Amino acid sequence: MTAPAKITPCLWFDFNAEEAVNYYLSIFKSGRILEVSRYGDAVPSQKGNVLTMRFEIEGQHLLALNAGPQFPFTEAISLMVDCATQDQVDELWAKLSAGGSEGMCGWLKDRFGLSWQIVPRQMIPMFRSSDSAAAARAMQAMMSMRKIDIAKIEAAFEGR
């Protein structure tokens, strides 16, 4: 058994944690279930069902909790995914937004309501550039997008 990370985000699901974890594991190339606990006699109506699933995707440990509809996800918490290429952005955007909804600026909600940011790593240095006019053009281009298009942001940055 792998020791838990010092800090592990806990994701509260409406009794569909197992489905969500399997969904995430099917999307990301590196992932695994680390531990599963089940409800026991203390909650007879759920006895035997998954209570928690500790899992890992792309090196990040997460805990999925099966606990009911009381606390749905909001955009106040999101999982940001660092993407090296436009192909990665496109693939993750398509898979994670399927059955969910697309937001602005690279944000989406998956079919479970969890918010994700699909971020190409090339974008960040442009926003931090000492050329404030170029950085502003890149930011303005990004602000008009749903899924991030690296080539369009680079063109805006370069003034093309």
N, C-alpha and C. Protein backbone atom coordinates (compact mmCIF):
# COMPACT_ATOMS: atom_id res chain seq x y z
N MET A 1 0.85 -1.18 0.00
CA MET A 1 0.00 0.00 0.00
C MET A 1 0.89 1.24 0.00
N THR A 2 0.54 2.22 -0.80
CA THR A 2 1.28 3.46 -0.89
C THR A 2 0.87 4.39 0.25
N ALA A 3 1.84 5.01 0.89
CA ALA A 3 1.54 5.96 1.96
C ALA A 3 0.82 7.17 1.38
N PRO A 4 -0.16 7.69 2.10
CA PRO A 4 -0.89 8.86 1.58
C PRO A 4 0.01 10.09 1.52
N ALA A 5 -0.30 10.98 0.59
CA ALA A 5 0.40 12.25 0.49
C ALA A 5 0.08 13.07 1.74
N LYS A 6 0.90 14.04 2.03
CA LYS A 6 0.68 14.90 3.20
C LYS A 6 -0.66 15.61 3.11
N ILE A 7 -0.98 16.12 1.93
CA ILE A 7 -2.27 16.78 1.70
C ILE A 7 -2.92 16.12 0.50
N THR A 8 -4.13 15.64 0.69
CA THR A 8 -4.86 14.96 -0.38
C THR A 8 -6.23 15.60 -0.54
N PRO A 9 -6.54 16.17 -1.71
CA PRO A 9 -7.88 16.70 -1.93
C PRO A 9 -8.93 15.59 -1.82
N CYS A 10 -10.01 15.88 -1.12
CA CYS A 10 -11.13 14.95 -0.97
C CYS A 10 -12.28 15.47 -1.81
N LEU A 11 -12.76 14.63 -2.70
CA LEU A 11 -13.86 14.98 -3.62
C LEU A 11 -15.13 14.27 -3.17
N TRP A 12 -16.14 15.02 -2.84
CA TRP A 12 -17.41 14.51 -2.32
C TRP A 12 -18.34 14.21 -3.49
N PHE A 13 -18.72 12.95 -3.65
CA PHE A 13 -19.60 12.54 -4.74
C PHE A 13 -20.96 12.11 -4.20
N ASP A 14 -21.94 12.20 -5.07
CA ASP A 14 -23.32 11.82 -4.75
C ASP A 14 -23.51 10.32 -5.03
N PHE A 15 -22.80 9.50 -4.29
CA PHE A 15 -22.85 8.04 -4.40
C PHE A 15 -22.49 7.52 -5.79
N ASN A 16 -21.64 8.27 -6.50
CA ASN A 16 -21.13 7.79 -7.79
C ASN A 16 -19.60 7.92 -7.85
N ALA A 17 -18.95 7.84 -6.70
CA ALA A 17 -17.49 7.98 -6.63
C ALA A 17 -16.77 6.90 -7.43
N GLU A 18 -17.23 5.67 -7.33
CA GLU A 18 -16.56 4.58 -8.05
C GLU A 18 -16.64 4.80 -9.56
N GLU A 19 -17.80 5.22 -10.04
CA GLU A 19 -17.96 5.52 -11.46
C GLU A 19 -17.03 6.67 -11.87
N ALA A 20 -16.96 7.72 -11.04
CA ALA A 20 -16.12 8.87 -11.35
C ALA A 20 -14.64 8.47 -11.38
N VAL A 21 -14.19 7.74 -10.39
CA VAL A 21 -12.78 7.33 -10.34
C VAL A 21 -12.44 6.50 -11.58
N ASN A 22 -13.27 5.56 -11.93
CA ASN A 22 -13.01 4.74 -13.12
C ASN A 22 -13.00 5.59 -14.39
N TYR A 23 -13.86 6.58 -14.43
CA TYR A 23 -13.91 7.51 -15.56
C TYR A 23 -12.59 8.28 -15.67
N TYR A 24 -12.13 8.85 -14.56
CA TYR A 24 -10.87 9.60 -14.57
C TYR A 24 -9.69 8.70 -14.94
N LEU A 25 -9.69 7.48 -14.43
CA LEU A 25 -8.60 6.56 -14.75
C LEU A 25 -8.60 6.18 -16.23
N SER A 26 -9.77 6.21 -16.87
CA SER A 26 -9.83 5.90 -18.30
C SER A 26 -9.33 7.06 -19.16
N ILE A 27 -9.31 8.26 -18.61
CA ILE A 27 -8.92 9.45 -19.36
C ILE A 27 -7.42 9.72 -19.28
N PHE A 28 -6.88 9.61 -18.08
CA PHE A 28 -5.47 9.95 -17.88
C PHE A 28 -4.60 8.72 -18.09
N LYS A 29 -3.44 8.95 -18.70
CA LYS A 29 -2.56 7.84 -19.06
C LYS A 29 -1.90 7.18 -17.85
N SER A 30 -1.73 7.94 -16.79
CA SER A 30 -1.09 7.42 -15.59
C SER A 30 -2.05 7.55 -14.42
N GLY A 31 -2.52 6.43 -13.92
CA GLY A 31 -3.44 6.47 -12.79
C GLY A 31 -3.68 5.10 -12.22
N ARG A 32 -4.11 5.08 -10.96
CA ARG A 32 -4.40 3.79 -10.32
C ARG A 32 -5.21 4.02 -9.05
N ILE A 33 -5.94 2.98 -8.67
CA ILE A 33 -6.64 2.98 -7.39
C ILE A 33 -5.66 2.51 -6.34
N LEU A 34 -5.56 3.26 -5.25
CA LEU A 34 -4.61 2.95 -4.19
C LEU A 34 -5.26 2.19 -3.03
N GLU A 35 -6.53 2.51 -2.77
CA GLU A 35 -7.20 1.91 -1.60
C GLU A 35 -8.71 2.12 -1.71
N VAL A 36 -9.46 1.15 -1.28
CA VAL A 36 -10.92 1.26 -1.27
C VAL A 36 -11.41 0.88 0.13
N SER A 37 -12.31 1.70 0.68
CA SER A 37 -12.98 1.34 1.93
C SER A 37 -14.48 1.27 1.65
N ARG A 38 -15.15 0.47 2.42
CA ARG A 38 -16.58 0.25 2.20
C ARG A 38 -17.38 0.58 3.46
N TYR A 39 -18.62 0.95 3.25
CA TYR A 39 -19.53 1.16 4.37
C TYR A 39 -19.72 -0.15 5.11
N GLY A 40 -19.83 -0.06 6.42
CA GLY A 40 -20.06 -1.24 7.25
C GLY A 40 -21.40 -1.15 7.97
N ASP A 41 -21.47 -1.76 9.11
CA ASP A 41 -22.72 -1.84 9.88
C ASP A 41 -23.23 -0.49 10.38
N ALA A 42 -22.35 0.50 10.48
CA ALA A 42 -22.75 1.81 10.99
C ALA A 42 -23.77 2.51 10.08
N VAL A 43 -23.75 2.17 8.79
CA VAL A 43 -24.72 2.73 7.83
C VAL A 43 -25.32 1.56 7.06
N PRO A 44 -26.31 0.89 7.66
CA PRO A 44 -26.86 -0.33 7.07
C PRO A 44 -27.38 -0.15 5.64
N SER A 45 -27.91 1.02 5.31
CA SER A 45 -28.46 1.23 3.97
C SER A 45 -27.37 1.25 2.90
N GLN A 46 -26.13 1.46 3.28
CA GLN A 46 -25.02 1.51 2.33
C GLN A 46 -24.03 0.37 2.53
N LYS A 47 -24.31 -0.52 3.47
CA LYS A 47 -23.36 -1.58 3.82
C LYS A 47 -22.85 -2.31 2.57
N GLY A 48 -21.52 -2.38 2.48
CA GLY A 48 -20.88 -3.06 1.36
C GLY A 48 -20.55 -2.14 0.19
N ASN A 49 -21.22 -1.00 0.10
CA ASN A 49 -20.93 -0.04 -0.97
C ASN A 49 -19.65 0.72 -0.68
N VAL A 50 -19.05 1.28 -1.72
CA VAL A 50 -17.82 2.06 -1.56
C VAL A 50 -18.10 3.29 -0.69
N LEU A 51 -17.26 3.49 0.32
CA LEU A 51 -17.28 4.70 1.13
C LEU A 51 -16.24 5.68 0.57
N THR A 52 -14.99 5.22 0.45
CA THR A 52 -13.94 6.07 -0.12
C THR A 52 -13.08 5.27 -1.09
N MET A 53 -12.50 6.00 -2.02
CA MET A 53 -11.50 5.43 -2.93
C MET A 53 -10.34 6.42 -2.97
N ARG A 54 -9.20 5.96 -2.51
CA ARG A 54 -7.99 6.77 -2.65
C ARG A 54 -7.37 6.37 -3.98
N PHE A 55 -7.08 7.37 -4.82
CA PHE A 55 -6.57 7.08 -6.15
C PHE A 55 -5.54 8.12 -6.55
N GLU A 56 -4.86 7.81 -7.65
CA GLU A 56 -3.80 8.69 -8.14
C GLU A 56 -3.99 8.87 -9.63
N ILE A 57 -3.91 10.13 -10.10
CA ILE A 57 -3.87 10.40 -11.53
C ILE A 57 -2.70 11.35 -11.78
N GLU A 58 -1.84 10.94 -12.72
CA GLU A 58 -0.67 11.74 -13.09
C GLU A 58 0.13 12.18 -11.86
N GLY A 59 0.26 11.29 -10.88
CA GLY A 59 1.06 11.56 -9.69
C GLY A 59 0.32 12.28 -8.57
N GLN A 60 -0.89 12.77 -8.83
CA GLN A 60 -1.67 13.50 -7.83
C GLN A 60 -2.57 12.52 -7.07
N HIS A 61 -2.43 12.48 -5.75
CA HIS A 61 -3.31 11.65 -4.93
C HIS A 61 -4.61 12.41 -4.67
N LEU A 62 -5.72 11.69 -4.76
CA LEU A 62 -7.05 12.24 -4.50
C LEU A 62 -7.84 11.21 -3.72
N LEU A 63 -8.85 11.68 -3.02
CA LEU A 63 -9.75 10.79 -2.30
C LEU A 63 -11.16 11.07 -2.80
N ALA A 64 -11.85 10.03 -3.22
CA ALA A 64 -13.25 10.16 -3.64
C ALA A 64 -14.11 9.62 -2.50
N LEU A 65 -15.07 10.42 -2.06
CA LEU A 65 -15.95 10.07 -0.96
C LEU A 65 -17.37 9.91 -1.48
N ASN A 66 -17.99 8.78 -1.20
CA ASN A 66 -19.38 8.53 -1.57
C ASN A 66 -20.25 8.98 -0.41
N ALA A 67 -20.89 10.15 -0.51
CA ALA A 67 -21.58 10.66 0.67
C ALA A 67 -22.93 11.31 0.41
N GLY A 68 -23.39 11.37 -0.81
CA GLY A 68 -24.72 11.90 -1.05
C GLY A 68 -24.73 13.30 -1.67
N PRO A 69 -25.93 13.84 -1.87
CA PRO A 69 -26.11 15.07 -2.64
C PRO A 69 -25.95 16.37 -1.85
N GLN A 70 -25.62 16.30 -0.56
CA GLN A 70 -25.61 17.50 0.28
C GLN A 70 -24.65 18.59 -0.19
N PHE A 71 -23.50 18.22 -0.74
CA PHE A 71 -22.47 19.20 -1.08
C PHE A 71 -21.99 19.01 -2.52
N PRO A 72 -22.67 19.61 -3.49
CA PRO A 72 -22.23 19.48 -4.88
C PRO A 72 -20.96 20.31 -5.12
N PHE A 73 -20.24 19.96 -6.17
CA PHE A 73 -19.03 20.70 -6.55
C PHE A 73 -19.40 22.11 -7.00
N THR A 74 -18.47 23.03 -6.81
CA THR A 74 -18.58 24.38 -7.37
C THR A 74 -17.24 24.73 -8.01
N GLU A 75 -17.23 25.84 -8.74
CA GLU A 75 -15.99 26.30 -9.37
C GLU A 75 -14.98 26.81 -8.35
N ALA A 76 -15.38 26.92 -7.09
CA ALA A 76 -14.45 27.39 -6.06
C ALA A 76 -13.23 26.48 -5.94
N ILE A 77 -13.39 25.24 -6.33
CA ILE A 77 -12.27 24.28 -6.37
C ILE A 77 -12.25 23.67 -7.77
N SER A 78 -11.06 23.64 -8.36
CA SER A 78 -10.90 23.00 -9.66
C SER A 78 -9.59 22.26 -9.68
N LEU A 79 -9.47 21.33 -10.61
CA LEU A 79 -8.22 20.61 -10.82
C LEU A 79 -7.60 21.16 -12.09
N MET A 80 -6.39 21.69 -11.98
CA MET A 80 -5.70 22.26 -13.12
C MET A 80 -4.77 21.21 -13.72
N VAL A 81 -4.87 21.04 -15.04
CA VAL A 81 -4.05 20.05 -15.74
C VAL A 81 -3.07 20.79 -16.64
N ASP A 82 -1.78 20.55 -16.41
CA ASP A 82 -0.70 21.13 -17.21
C ASP A 82 -0.56 20.30 -18.49
N CYS A 83 -0.72 20.95 -19.64
CA CYS A 83 -0.65 20.26 -20.93
C CYS A 83 0.56 20.75 -21.72
N ALA A 84 1.31 19.82 -22.29
CA ALA A 84 2.52 20.15 -23.05
C ALA A 84 2.20 20.52 -24.50
N THR A 85 1.08 20.02 -25.04
CA THR A 85 0.79 20.22 -26.47
C THR A 85 -0.69 20.55 -26.68
N GLN A 86 -0.98 21.08 -27.86
CA GLN A 86 -2.37 21.33 -28.23
C GLN A 86 -3.14 20.03 -28.32
N ASP A 87 -2.49 18.96 -28.76
CA ASP A 87 -3.16 17.66 -28.82
C ASP A 87 -3.62 17.21 -27.44
N GLN A 88 -2.79 17.43 -26.43
CA GLN A 88 -3.21 17.08 -25.06
C GLN A 88 -4.39 17.93 -24.62
N VAL A 89 -4.33 19.23 -24.90
CA VAL A 89 -5.45 20.12 -24.57
C VAL A 89 -6.72 19.61 -25.24
N ASP A 90 -6.64 19.33 -26.54
CA ASP A 90 -7.81 18.89 -27.30
C ASP A 90 -8.38 17.59 -26.76
N GLU A 91 -7.51 16.62 -26.50
CA GLU A 91 -7.96 15.31 -26.01
C GLU A 91 -8.62 15.41 -24.63
N LEU A 92 -7.96 16.08 -23.70
CA LEU A 92 -8.53 16.19 -22.35
C LEU A 92 -9.80 17.02 -22.35
N TRP A 93 -9.83 18.06 -23.16
CA TRP A 93 -11.04 18.90 -23.25
C TRP A 93 -12.22 18.06 -23.73
N ALA A 94 -12.01 17.32 -24.79
CA ALA A 94 -13.10 16.50 -25.36
C ALA A 94 -13.58 15.46 -24.36
N LYS A 95 -12.65 14.76 -23.73
CA LYS A 95 -13.02 13.68 -22.82
C LYS A 95 -13.65 14.19 -21.53
N LEU A 96 -13.06 15.21 -20.92
CA LEU A 96 -13.57 15.69 -19.64
C LEU A 96 -14.86 16.50 -19.77
N SER A 97 -15.05 17.19 -20.89
CA SER A 97 -16.27 17.99 -21.04
C SER A 97 -17.45 17.16 -21.55
N ALA A 98 -17.19 15.95 -22.04
CA ALA A 98 -18.27 15.10 -22.54
C ALA A 98 -19.29 14.84 -21.43
N GLY A 99 -20.52 15.23 -21.66
CA GLY A 99 -21.57 15.05 -20.66
C GLY A 99 -21.54 16.11 -19.58
N GLY A 100 -20.61 17.03 -19.67
CA GLY A 100 -20.50 18.13 -18.71
C GLY A 100 -20.80 19.44 -19.40
N SER A 101 -19.99 20.46 -19.10
CA SER A 101 -20.21 21.76 -19.74
C SER A 101 -18.88 22.49 -19.90
N GLU A 102 -18.82 23.29 -20.95
CA GLU A 102 -17.63 24.08 -21.25
C GLU A 102 -17.77 25.45 -20.63
N GLY A 103 -16.71 25.90 -19.98
CA GLY A 103 -16.66 27.26 -19.46
C GLY A 103 -15.71 28.09 -20.29
N MET A 104 -15.39 29.25 -19.81
CA MET A 104 -14.48 30.15 -20.51
C MET A 104 -13.05 29.95 -20.00
N CYS A 105 -12.09 30.37 -20.81
CA CYS A 105 -10.68 30.45 -20.42
C CYS A 105 -10.07 29.11 -20.03
N GLY A 106 -10.50 28.04 -20.70
CA GLY A 106 -9.93 26.73 -20.42
C GLY A 106 -10.56 25.97 -19.27
N TRP A 107 -11.68 26.48 -18.74
CA TRP A 107 -12.37 25.81 -17.63
C TRP A 107 -13.52 24.97 -18.20
N LEU A 108 -13.77 23.85 -17.55
CA LEU A 108 -14.91 23.01 -17.90
C LEU A 108 -15.40 22.28 -16.65
N LYS A 109 -16.60 21.76 -16.73
CA LYS A 109 -17.12 20.88 -15.69
C LYS A 109 -17.34 19.52 -16.33
N ASP A 110 -16.89 18.47 -15.65
CA ASP A 110 -17.12 17.13 -16.17
C ASP A 110 -18.53 16.68 -15.84
N ARG A 111 -18.88 15.49 -16.25
CA ARG A 111 -20.26 15.01 -16.07
C ARG A 111 -20.65 14.80 -14.61
N PHE A 112 -19.67 14.86 -13.71
CA PHE A 112 -19.95 14.74 -12.28
C PHE A 112 -20.03 16.11 -11.61
N GLY A 113 -19.78 17.17 -12.38
CA GLY A 113 -19.84 18.53 -11.87
C GLY A 113 -18.52 19.07 -11.36
N LEU A 114 -17.45 18.27 -11.44
CA LEU A 114 -16.14 18.71 -10.98
C LEU A 114 -15.51 19.65 -12.01
N SER A 115 -14.98 20.78 -11.55
CA SER A 115 -14.36 21.77 -12.43
C SER A 115 -12.90 21.42 -12.70
N TRP A 116 -12.51 21.63 -13.95
CA TRP A 116 -11.14 21.39 -14.41
C TRP A 116 -10.67 22.61 -15.17
N GLN A 117 -9.37 22.88 -15.10
CA GLN A 117 -8.72 23.88 -15.95
C GLN A 117 -7.72 23.12 -16.83
N ILE A 118 -7.90 23.22 -18.12
CA ILE A 118 -7.01 22.55 -19.07
C ILE A 118 -6.08 23.63 -19.63
N VAL A 119 -4.84 23.62 -19.15
CA VAL A 119 -3.92 24.74 -19.35
C VAL A 119 -2.67 24.32 -20.13
N PRO A 120 -2.46 24.90 -21.31
CA PRO A 120 -1.20 24.65 -22.01
C PRO A 120 -0.06 25.40 -21.32
N ARG A 121 1.02 24.71 -21.04
CA ARG A 121 2.12 25.34 -20.28
C ARG A 121 2.78 26.49 -21.03
N GLN A 122 2.68 26.51 -22.37
CA GLN A 122 3.28 27.60 -23.14
C GLN A 122 2.62 28.94 -22.86
N MET A 123 1.39 28.92 -22.38
CA MET A 123 0.61 30.12 -22.17
C MET A 123 1.15 30.96 -21.00
N ILE A 124 1.57 30.33 -19.95
CA ILE A 124 1.94 31.03 -18.71
C ILE A 124 3.12 31.99 -18.91
N PRO A 125 4.21 31.56 -19.57
CA PRO A 125 5.31 32.52 -19.77
C PRO A 125 4.89 33.75 -20.59
N MET A 126 3.96 33.58 -21.50
CA MET A 126 3.49 34.73 -22.27
C MET A 126 2.79 35.74 -21.36
N PHE A 127 1.99 35.24 -20.42
CA PHE A 127 1.29 36.13 -19.50
C PHE A 127 2.25 36.83 -18.54
N ARG A 128 3.39 36.21 -18.28
CA ARG A 128 4.39 36.76 -17.35
C ARG A 128 5.46 37.58 -18.07
N SER A 129 5.34 37.75 -19.34
CA SER A 129 6.35 38.44 -20.14
C SER A 129 6.57 39.88 -19.66
N SER A 130 7.80 40.33 -19.79
CA SER A 130 8.10 41.73 -19.46
C SER A 130 7.55 42.68 -20.52
N ASP A 131 7.17 42.14 -21.68
CA ASP A 131 6.51 42.94 -22.72
C ASP A 131 5.02 43.00 -22.37
N SER A 132 4.64 44.04 -21.62
CA SER A 132 3.28 44.10 -21.09
C SER A 132 2.22 44.18 -22.18
N ALA A 133 2.54 44.80 -23.31
CA ALA A 133 1.56 44.88 -24.41
C ALA A 133 1.33 43.49 -25.01
N ALA A 134 2.40 42.73 -25.21
CA ALA A 134 2.27 41.37 -25.74
C ALA A 134 1.52 40.48 -24.76
N ALA A 135 1.85 40.61 -23.47
CA ALA A 135 1.16 39.82 -22.44
C ALA A 135 -0.33 40.15 -22.43
N ALA A 136 -0.66 41.43 -22.56
CA ALA A 136 -2.07 41.85 -22.57
C ALA A 136 -2.80 41.29 -23.78
N ARG A 137 -2.14 41.29 -24.94
CA ARG A 137 -2.77 40.72 -26.14
C ARG A 137 -3.03 39.23 -25.97
N ALA A 138 -2.06 38.52 -25.40
CA ALA A 138 -2.22 37.07 -25.16
C ALA A 138 -3.37 36.83 -24.18
N MET A 139 -3.42 37.61 -23.11
CA MET A 139 -4.49 37.47 -22.11
C MET A 139 -5.85 37.76 -22.73
N GLN A 140 -5.94 38.80 -23.53
CA GLN A 140 -7.20 39.15 -24.19
C GLN A 140 -7.66 38.03 -25.11
N ALA A 141 -6.72 37.43 -25.84
CA ALA A 141 -7.07 36.30 -26.72
C ALA A 141 -7.61 35.14 -25.90
N MET A 142 -6.94 34.82 -24.80
CA MET A 142 -7.38 33.71 -23.95
C MET A 142 -8.76 33.97 -23.36
N MET A 143 -9.02 35.21 -22.98
CA MET A 143 -10.30 35.55 -22.34
C MET A 143 -11.50 35.35 -23.27
N SER A 144 -11.25 35.27 -24.58
CA SER A 144 -12.35 35.08 -25.53
C SER A 144 -12.59 33.61 -25.86
N MET A 145 -11.77 32.72 -25.31
CA MET A 145 -11.83 31.30 -25.67
C MET A 145 -12.54 30.46 -24.63
N ARG A 146 -13.09 29.37 -25.08
CA ARG A 146 -13.51 28.30 -24.19
C ARG A 146 -12.31 27.36 -24.06
N LYS A 147 -12.14 26.44 -25.00
CA LYS A 147 -10.94 25.59 -25.03
C LYS A 147 -9.79 26.46 -25.51
N ILE A 148 -8.65 26.34 -24.86
CA ILE A 148 -7.50 27.16 -25.21
C ILE A 148 -6.88 26.69 -26.52
N ASP A 149 -6.61 27.66 -27.39
CA ASP A 149 -5.95 27.44 -28.67
C ASP A 149 -4.58 28.11 -28.58
N ILE A 150 -3.55 27.29 -28.42
CA ILE A 150 -2.20 27.80 -28.21
C ILE A 150 -1.76 28.68 -29.37
N ALA A 151 -1.99 28.26 -30.61
CA ALA A 151 -1.54 29.01 -31.78
C ALA A 151 -2.16 30.41 -31.81
N LYS A 152 -3.42 30.54 -31.45
CA LYS A 152 -4.08 31.85 -31.45
C LYS A 152 -3.52 32.75 -30.35
N ILE A 153 -3.22 32.17 -29.21
CA ILE A 153 -2.63 32.97 -28.13
C ILE A 153 -1.22 33.41 -28.51
N GLU A 154 -0.44 32.51 -29.11
CA GLU A 154 0.90 32.87 -29.56
C GLU A 154 0.84 33.97 -30.63
N ALA A 155 -0.11 33.87 -31.56
CA ALA A 155 -0.26 34.88 -32.60
C ALA A 155 -0.60 36.24 -31.98
N ALA A 156 -1.50 36.24 -31.01
CA ALA A 156 -1.85 37.50 -30.33
C ALA A 156 -0.64 38.06 -29.59
N PHE A 157 0.09 37.21 -28.92
CA PHE A 157 1.28 37.63 -28.19
C PHE A 157 2.29 38.30 -29.13
N GLU A 158 2.46 37.70 -30.31
CA GLU A 158 3.43 38.20 -31.29
C GLU A 158 2.88 39.36 -32.12
N GLY A 159 1.61 39.70 -31.90
CA GLY A 159 1.01 40.82 -32.63
C GLY A 159 0.61 40.50 -34.05
N ARG A 160 0.37 39.21 -34.33
CA ARG A 160 -0.04 38.81 -35.68
C ARG A 160 -1.55 38.69 -35.77
